[in-house]
């Protein structure tokens, strides 16, 4: 029987304190005890169901973590105040001085900056490789390597990681495979494919309303306990705690994720097919032209599609900026970073979400000046959206320009 992530979320039942259909929000930073002994036991981690201080945990955060663990098929999860607040403690928990990390070369700019610029302060080095080449990943392993890090679908180039293949390599060499699954919730289930730890920025598709920042680490009970340890747990001591109000809000939005992802994917595939037919250089995992199309199909939970992220290359940063401004003026979306909103969001990654990556490295990985990253929205009439986008491109001569570029290649 195939994995059913949305069913796992739906099967969780929470009632509020007074019988509410949503669980009560624990709006407290600290908790009282009927005895001093219980406080001591709770601090030592020996009092199940008791709460001490909300940086440690809260009922609202535990409800959300349980739902996200059910979605990813892991034993448990720990929520955090941001996606980076999930990624950074995981890597610091797994690595110490003189250790080594292998990372995909195309990842979110903040993660890249953390690995490239911040971790060397602790004598932790990172090798950035083409994650789609398993032989290159294995060749980069050294005696001090502890972690392979990748994104299921990379930001912003939409390269697809062979999670089963990477998991096999990790197990052979006694490494941990950490997968950021932000771009493909429900569509891909990395833990089921062999990943040890799965991370999300909850800010994006999972919350879906661009009003909250959050993150989550999904993994084994042992690893999450280590992260939360009051003496040496990176999540506990670095203090990236999610607010209970935000946790409750995300949990409510999580219940509709399966419906939203189906629509994001449906609209993304429609636009990708149209853009490619128009002669635009289009990258989308659902296109047969995508080099990892078959790989994605082999990993996916098919009912949720190929996701809502696509890119087109319009040839220059000037054309990209003109097109994005015109589309925003026509109310086709917003010129904004982030993703997973009900409205389409578009940005030029080279000067925004990937700006931490030096220009020469951007060029080496294929991140061009004219690349536009789209997070496709929940438009009810995607045909109308396409026609209006096409009109914008025609006004700017982008379609003709692309055809001329194609002929010259």
Protein backbone atom coordinates (compact mmCIF):
# COMPACT_ATOMS: atom_id res chain seq x y z
CA UNK A 1 0.00 0.00 0.00
CA UNK A 2 1.39 3.41 -0.96
CA UNK A 3 2.13 6.10 1.63
CA UNK A 4 -0.85 8.44 2.21
CA UNK A 5 0.52 11.56 3.92
CA UNK A 6 -2.74 13.55 3.92
CA UNK A 7 -4.61 10.62 5.50
CA UNK A 8 -2.07 10.58 8.32
CA UNK A 9 -2.81 14.24 9.05
CA UNK A 10 -6.57 13.74 8.77
CA UNK A 11 -6.52 10.78 11.19
CA UNK A 12 -5.19 12.91 14.05
CA UNK A 13 -7.96 14.07 16.38
CA UNK A 14 -7.56 17.04 18.69
CA UNK A 15 -10.27 18.65 20.82
CA UNK A 16 -10.04 21.94 22.63
CA UNK A 17 -10.29 22.32 26.39
CA UNK A 18 -14.03 22.97 26.20
CA UNK A 19 -14.79 20.60 23.34
CA UNK A 20 -13.66 22.97 20.59
CA UNK A 21 -13.03 21.42 17.18
CA UNK A 22 -9.61 23.11 17.23
CA UNK A 23 -7.21 22.41 20.11
CA UNK A 24 -6.90 25.10 22.75
CA UNK A 25 -3.94 27.45 22.43
CA UNK A 26 -1.54 27.42 25.35
CA UNK A 27 -0.96 31.15 25.70
CA UNK A 28 1.68 30.92 28.42
CA UNK A 29 5.43 31.30 28.53
CA UNK A 30 5.74 29.37 31.80
CA UNK A 31 3.76 26.70 33.65
CA UNK A 32 2.91 26.12 37.31
CA UNK A 33 3.39 22.94 39.33
CA UNK A 34 1.49 21.49 42.26
CA UNK A 35 4.74 20.23 43.78
CA UNK A 36 8.43 21.12 43.66
CA UNK A 37 9.21 17.46 42.91
CA UNK A 38 7.21 17.60 39.68
CA UNK A 39 9.15 20.69 38.58
CA UNK A 40 12.43 18.88 39.19
CA UNK A 41 11.25 15.77 37.34
CA UNK A 42 10.08 17.87 34.38
CA UNK A 43 13.42 19.65 34.16
CA UNK A 44 15.11 16.26 34.09
CA UNK A 45 12.74 15.07 31.35
CA UNK A 46 11.06 12.49 33.59
CA UNK A 47 7.52 13.85 33.84
CA UNK A 48 5.41 12.96 30.81
CA UNK A 49 2.74 15.48 29.87
CA UNK A 50 4.08 18.24 32.12
CA UNK A 51 5.28 21.59 30.77
CA UNK A 52 7.91 23.82 32.30
CA UNK A 53 8.73 26.71 29.96
CA UNK A 54 7.61 27.39 26.39
CA UNK A 55 11.13 27.54 24.97
CA UNK A 56 11.32 23.86 25.84
CA UNK A 57 7.91 22.96 24.40
CA UNK A 58 4.24 23.83 24.59
CA UNK A 59 1.04 21.89 23.88
CA UNK A 60 0.38 23.93 20.73
CA UNK A 61 3.85 23.27 19.35
CA UNK A 62 3.63 19.57 20.15
CA UNK A 63 0.27 19.26 18.34
CA UNK A 64 1.77 20.82 15.21
CA UNK A 65 4.94 18.73 15.45
CA UNK A 66 2.89 15.54 15.78
CA UNK A 67 0.85 16.41 12.67
CA UNK A 68 3.96 17.20 10.61
CA UNK A 69 5.66 13.97 11.73
CA UNK A 70 2.55 12.08 10.64
CA UNK A 71 2.72 13.83 7.25
CA UNK A 72 6.37 12.90 6.72
CA UNK A 73 6.19 9.43 8.25
CA UNK A 74 8.73 10.04 11.02
CA UNK A 75 8.56 9.21 14.72
CA UNK A 76 8.25 12.80 15.85
CA UNK A 77 9.12 16.41 14.97
CA UNK A 78 10.23 19.70 16.50
CA UNK A 79 8.88 23.03 15.26
CA UNK A 80 10.94 26.20 15.20
CA UNK A 81 10.57 29.93 14.62
CA UNK A 82 11.78 29.77 10.99
CA UNK A 83 13.06 27.42 8.32
CA UNK A 84 16.62 28.51 9.04
CA UNK A 85 15.83 27.94 12.73
CA UNK A 86 15.27 24.30 11.76
CA UNK A 87 18.23 23.84 9.40
CA UNK A 88 20.97 25.44 11.49
CA UNK A 89 20.51 23.49 14.74
CA UNK A 90 20.24 20.19 12.87
CA UNK A 91 23.62 20.70 11.18
CA UNK A 92 25.23 21.97 14.38
CA UNK A 93 23.83 19.00 16.33
CA UNK A 94 25.22 16.51 13.83
CA UNK A 95 28.64 18.12 13.33
CA UNK A 96 31.51 19.24 15.52
CA UNK A 97 34.89 20.85 14.98
CA UNK A 98 36.83 19.38 12.01
CA UNK A 99 33.76 17.63 10.57
CA UNK A 100 32.69 17.82 6.94
CA UNK A 101 29.36 18.24 5.15
CA UNK A 102 28.46 17.43 1.55
CA UNK A 103 25.77 19.71 0.19
CA UNK A 104 23.97 20.22 -3.06
CA UNK A 105 25.44 23.18 -4.94
CA UNK A 106 21.96 24.59 -5.65
CA UNK A 107 20.21 25.32 -2.38
CA UNK A 108 18.43 28.24 -0.75
CA UNK A 109 20.78 31.21 -0.42
CA UNK A 110 20.45 31.41 3.36
CA UNK A 111 21.44 27.76 3.75
CA UNK A 112 24.35 28.27 1.35
CA UNK A 113 25.57 31.29 3.33
CA UNK A 114 25.33 29.36 6.60
CA UNK A 115 27.38 26.46 5.23
CA UNK A 116 29.89 28.54 3.25
CA UNK A 117 30.42 31.55 5.51
CA UNK A 118 29.28 30.71 9.05
CA UNK A 119 30.14 27.07 9.72
CA UNK A 120 33.89 27.50 9.01
CA UNK A 121 34.01 29.54 12.25
CA UNK A 122 33.52 26.19 13.99
CA UNK A 123 36.02 24.44 11.68
CA UNK A 124 33.18 22.68 9.85
CA UNK A 125 33.76 22.60 6.11
CA UNK A 126 31.31 21.96 3.27
CA UNK A 127 31.84 20.57 -0.22
CA UNK A 128 29.21 21.74 -2.72
CA UNK A 129 28.51 19.16 -5.42
CA UNK A 130 26.09 18.46 -8.24
CA UNK A 131 23.60 16.44 -6.19
CA UNK A 132 22.15 14.84 -9.33
CA UNK A 133 25.45 12.97 -9.86
CA UNK A 134 25.64 10.21 -7.27
CA UNK A 135 29.24 9.36 -8.19
CA UNK A 136 30.25 12.97 -7.48
CA UNK A 137 28.54 12.80 -4.08
CA UNK A 138 30.32 9.56 -3.16
CA UNK A 139 33.66 10.88 -4.43
CA UNK A 140 33.36 13.89 -2.11
CA UNK A 141 33.10 11.77 1.05
CA UNK A 142 36.07 11.99 3.41
CA UNK A 143 36.86 10.33 6.74
CA UNK A 144 35.41 13.39 8.53
CA UNK A 145 32.14 13.61 6.56
CA UNK A 146 29.06 13.44 8.78
CA UNK A 147 26.15 14.73 6.66
CA UNK A 148 24.78 14.77 3.13
CA UNK A 149 22.43 17.75 2.77
CA UNK A 150 20.11 18.44 -0.14
CA UNK A 151 16.73 19.81 -1.13
CA UNK A 152 14.19 17.41 -2.66
CA UNK A 153 13.63 19.98 -5.41
CA UNK A 154 16.37 22.58 -5.37
CA UNK A 155 15.95 26.31 -4.96
CA UNK A 156 15.90 27.88 -7.51
CA UNK A 157 17.03 25.59 -10.36
CA UNK A 158 14.51 22.82 -9.57
CA UNK A 159 17.09 20.05 -9.72
CA UNK A 160 15.66 16.82 -8.28
CA UNK A 161 17.60 14.77 -5.73
CA UNK A 162 17.64 10.97 -6.03
CA UNK A 163 16.73 10.47 -2.38
CA UNK A 164 16.85 6.66 -2.49
CA UNK A 165 20.26 6.76 -4.16
CA UNK A 166 21.58 9.32 -1.67
CA UNK A 167 20.16 7.31 1.24
CA UNK A 168 22.01 4.22 0.03
CA UNK A 169 25.28 6.17 -0.09
CA UNK A 170 24.64 7.66 3.36
CA UNK A 171 23.95 4.26 4.91
CA UNK A 172 27.04 2.67 3.32
CA UNK A 173 29.26 5.38 4.80
CA UNK A 174 27.41 5.79 8.12
CA UNK A 175 26.32 9.35 7.30
CA UNK A 176 23.07 11.20 7.97
CA UNK A 177 20.98 12.27 4.97
CA UNK A 178 19.21 15.56 5.70
CA UNK A 179 16.59 16.65 3.16
CA UNK A 180 14.89 20.05 2.94
CA UNK A 181 11.45 19.24 1.49
CA UNK A 182 10.07 22.80 1.42
CA UNK A 183 9.32 22.82 -2.33
CA UNK A 184 7.48 19.50 -2.41
CA UNK A 185 5.32 18.78 0.66
CA UNK A 186 3.01 15.77 0.16
CA UNK A 187 4.38 15.28 -3.39
CA UNK A 188 7.60 13.71 -2.08
CA UNK A 189 8.06 11.91 1.25
CA UNK A 190 11.85 11.82 1.85
CA UNK A 191 11.75 9.77 5.06
CA UNK A 192 9.82 7.01 3.30
CA UNK A 193 12.54 7.04 0.62
CA UNK A 194 15.33 6.67 3.20
CA UNK A 195 16.19 10.18 4.46
CA UNK A 196 17.16 10.36 8.13
CA UNK A 197 15.91 13.90 8.78
CA UNK A 198 13.35 15.98 6.89
CA UNK A 199 13.14 19.76 7.20
CA UNK A 200 10.55 22.27 6.04
CA UNK A 201 10.20 25.99 6.04
CA UNK A 202 6.59 26.10 7.25
CA UNK A 203 6.47 29.68 5.98
CA UNK A 204 5.87 28.42 2.45
CA UNK A 205 3.34 25.87 1.12
CA UNK A 206 2.51 24.26 4.45
CA UNK A 207 1.16 27.45 6.00
CA UNK A 208 0.18 28.85 2.62
CA UNK A 209 -1.00 32.31 3.59
CA UNK A 210 2.27 34.31 3.76
CA UNK A 211 1.48 35.55 7.26
CA UNK A 212 3.73 33.34 9.38
CA UNK A 213 7.38 32.33 9.58
CA UNK A 214 8.19 28.85 10.89
CA UNK A 215 10.16 25.65 10.45
CA UNK A 216 10.16 21.99 11.43
CA UNK A 217 12.60 19.11 11.86
CA UNK A 218 11.09 15.64 11.38
CA UNK A 219 13.10 12.65 12.55
CA UNK A 220 13.54 9.90 15.10
CA UNK A 221 12.52 10.36 18.73
CA UNK A 222 16.17 9.97 19.72
CA UNK A 223 17.39 12.75 17.43
CA UNK A 224 14.59 15.16 18.35
CA UNK A 225 15.26 14.48 22.04
CA UNK A 226 18.92 15.35 21.40
CA UNK A 227 17.91 18.64 19.76
CA UNK A 228 15.71 19.47 22.78
CA UNK A 229 18.21 18.44 25.44
CA UNK A 230 18.54 21.24 28.03
CA UNK A 231 22.30 20.67 28.39
CA UNK A 232 23.56 20.31 24.82
CA UNK A 233 20.61 20.38 22.42
CA UNK A 234 21.12 22.86 19.58
CA UNK A 235 17.43 23.67 19.15
CA UNK A 236 17.01 24.18 22.89
CA UNK A 237 20.13 26.29 23.40
CA UNK A 238 19.96 28.38 20.22
CA UNK A 239 16.39 29.25 21.20
CA UNK A 240 14.58 29.38 17.86
CA UNK A 241 11.19 28.70 19.45
CA UNK A 242 7.88 28.94 17.61
CA UNK A 243 5.16 31.02 19.24
CA UNK A 244 2.12 28.97 20.33
CA UNK A 245 -0.30 31.27 18.48
CA UNK A 246 1.61 30.73 15.25
CA UNK A 247 1.74 26.97 15.78
CA UNK A 248 -2.03 26.85 16.20
CA UNK A 249 -2.51 28.94 13.05
CA UNK A 250 -0.25 26.70 10.94
CA UNK A 251 -1.97 23.56 12.23
CA UNK A 252 -5.32 24.87 10.97
CA UNK A 253 -3.83 25.66 7.55
CA UNK A 254 -2.12 22.27 7.37
CA UNK A 255 -5.56 20.62 7.18
CA UNK A 256 -6.11 22.06 3.69
CA UNK A 257 -2.59 21.46 2.36
CA UNK A 258 -3.64 18.47 0.24
CA UNK A 259 -6.27 20.52 -1.60
CA UNK A 260 -3.92 23.45 -2.12
CA UNK A 261 -1.00 21.33 -3.38
CA UNK A 262 -3.25 19.66 -5.94
CA UNK A 263 -4.25 23.07 -7.31
CA UNK A 264 -0.71 24.49 -7.19
CA UNK A 265 0.50 21.45 -9.14
CA UNK A 266 -2.36 21.53 -11.64
CA UNK A 267 -1.74 25.20 -12.40
CA UNK A 268 2.03 24.76 -12.48
CA UNK A 269 1.86 21.94 -15.02
CA UNK A 270 -0.59 23.88 -17.21
CA UNK A 271 1.60 27.00 -17.34
CA UNK A 272 4.82 25.01 -17.81
CA UNK A 273 3.37 23.22 -20.84
CA UNK A 274 2.14 26.50 -22.33
CA UNK A 275 5.40 28.38 -21.73
CA UNK A 276 7.47 25.58 -23.23
CA UNK A 277 5.20 25.41 -26.28
CA UNK A 278 5.71 29.16 -26.70
CA UNK A 279 9.46 28.62 -27.02
CA UNK A 280 10.44 29.81 -23.55
CA UNK A 281 13.22 27.98 -21.76
CA UNK A 282 11.04 26.44 -19.05
CA UNK A 283 12.08 24.22 -16.15
CA UNK A 284 9.42 22.23 -14.30
CA UNK A 285 9.72 18.65 -13.01
CA UNK A 286 6.40 17.74 -14.64
CA UNK A 287 7.75 18.42 -18.13
CA UNK A 288 9.21 15.47 -20.01
CA UNK A 289 12.06 17.77 -21.01
CA UNK A 290 13.16 18.04 -17.36
CA UNK A 291 16.26 15.83 -16.96
CA UNK A 292 14.87 14.30 -13.76
CA UNK A 293 11.23 13.97 -14.83
CA UNK A 294 11.25 10.16 -14.58
CA UNK A 295 13.11 10.26 -11.27
CA UNK A 296 10.50 12.61 -9.78
CA UNK A 297 7.71 10.34 -11.04
CA UNK A 298 9.36 7.32 -9.42
CA UNK A 299 9.44 9.08 -6.01
CA UNK A 300 6.21 11.05 -5.97
CA UNK A 301 2.88 10.56 -4.25
CA UNK A 302 1.16 10.93 -7.58
CA UNK A 303 -2.09 12.58 -6.49
CA UNK A 304 -0.22 15.74 -5.41
CA UNK A 305 1.52 16.34 -8.72
CA UNK A 306 4.86 17.95 -9.49
CA UNK A 307 4.48 21.01 -7.30
CA UNK A 308 3.87 24.69 -7.85
CA UNK A 309 7.41 25.90 -8.65
CA UNK A 310 8.68 26.62 -12.16
CA UNK A 311 11.27 28.82 -13.81
CA UNK A 312 11.57 30.53 -17.16
CA UNK A 313 14.59 32.25 -18.63
CA UNK A 314 13.82 35.44 -20.54
CA UNK A 315 17.42 36.18 -21.51
CA UNK A 316 18.42 39.17 -19.37
CA UNK A 317 17.82 40.74 -15.97
CA UNK A 318 16.34 43.81 -17.71
CA UNK A 319 13.68 41.70 -19.47
CA UNK A 320 13.01 39.72 -16.28
CA UNK A 321 12.44 42.87 -14.24
CA UNK A 322 10.23 44.45 -16.92
CA UNK A 323 8.10 41.33 -17.17
CA UNK A 324 7.67 40.95 -13.41
CA UNK A 325 6.72 44.60 -13.00
CA UNK A 326 4.19 44.38 -15.84
CA UNK A 327 2.64 41.17 -14.48
CA UNK A 328 2.29 42.78 -11.04
CA UNK A 329 0.68 45.86 -12.57
CA UNK A 330 -1.83 43.55 -14.31
CA UNK A 331 -2.56 41.84 -10.96
CA UNK A 332 -1.22 38.48 -12.17
CA UNK A 333 0.87 38.07 -9.06
CA UNK A 334 3.32 39.82 -6.79
CA UNK A 335 7.00 40.64 -7.27
CA UNK A 336 7.99 39.05 -3.99
CA UNK A 337 10.22 36.35 -2.55
CA UNK A 338 8.87 33.27 -0.76
CA UNK A 339 6.37 30.80 -2.15
CA UNK A 340 3.19 28.85 -1.49
CA UNK A 341 0.82 31.85 -1.41
CA UNK A 342 -2.68 31.79 -2.95
CA UNK A 343 -1.41 34.42 -5.40
CA UNK A 344 1.43 33.74 -7.83
CA UNK A 345 4.77 35.13 -6.59
CA UNK A 346 7.73 35.79 -8.88
CA UNK A 347 11.31 36.90 -8.32
CA UNK A 348 14.72 36.91 -9.98
CA UNK A 349 16.67 34.54 -7.69
CA UNK A 350 20.11 35.76 -8.73
CA UNK A 351 19.44 39.13 -7.12
CA UNK A 352 17.17 37.94 -4.30
CA UNK A 353 16.87 34.50 -2.68
CA UNK A 354 20.20 33.28 -4.13
CA UNK A 355 22.08 36.58 -3.88
CA UNK A 356 24.35 35.13 -1.16
CA UNK A 357 25.90 32.89 -3.82
CA UNK A 358 28.78 34.69 -5.64
CA UNK A 359 28.11 35.56 -9.29
CA UNK A 360 30.78 33.25 -10.66
CA UNK A 361 29.28 30.32 -8.75
CA UNK A 362 25.79 31.27 -9.94
CA UNK A 363 27.01 31.08 -13.54
CA UNK A 364 28.79 27.79 -12.93
CA UNK A 365 25.59 26.17 -11.62
CA UNK A 366 23.47 27.62 -14.45
CA UNK A 367 21.71 30.41 -12.56
CA UNK A 368 21.37 33.07 -15.26
CA UNK A 369 20.49 36.77 -15.03
CA UNK A 370 17.24 36.28 -16.93
CA UNK A 371 15.87 33.49 -14.72
CA UNK A 372 12.47 34.13 -13.14
CA UNK A 373 11.25 31.82 -10.38
CA UNK A 374 7.48 31.41 -10.18
CA UNK A 375 5.50 30.10 -7.24
CA UNK A 376 2.24 29.41 -9.05
CA UNK A 377 -0.90 30.42 -7.17
CA UNK A 378 -4.34 28.89 -6.75
CA UNK A 379 -5.98 30.69 -9.70
CA UNK A 380 -9.38 29.22 -10.50
CA UNK A 381 -9.08 30.09 -14.22
CA UNK A 382 -5.48 29.29 -15.12
CA UNK A 383 -6.21 29.60 -18.86
CA UNK A 384 -7.11 33.26 -18.34
CA UNK A 385 -3.95 33.75 -16.27
CA UNK A 386 -1.85 32.26 -19.05
CA UNK A 387 -3.42 34.42 -21.74
CA UNK A 388 -2.75 37.56 -19.69
CA UNK A 389 0.86 36.49 -18.98
CA UNK A 390 1.37 35.77 -22.67
CA UNK A 391 0.05 39.23 -23.53
CA UNK A 392 2.60 40.77 -21.14
CA UNK A 393 5.38 38.79 -22.83
CA UNK A 394 4.23 39.84 -26.28
CA UNK A 395 4.19 43.49 -25.24
CA UNK A 396 7.80 43.17 -24.14
CA UNK A 397 8.80 41.08 -27.19
CA UNK A 398 9.99 38.33 -24.86
CA UNK A 399 8.53 35.47 -26.89
CA UNK A 400 10.15 36.75 -30.10
CA UNK A 401 13.40 37.42 -28.29
CA UNK A 402 13.43 33.87 -26.97
CA UNK A 403 12.86 32.44 -30.44
CA UNK A 404 15.74 34.48 -31.81
CA UNK A 405 17.99 33.26 -28.99
CA UNK A 406 16.95 29.66 -29.70
CA UNK A 407 17.81 30.06 -33.40
CA UNK A 408 21.25 31.44 -32.60
CA UNK A 409 22.17 28.54 -30.31
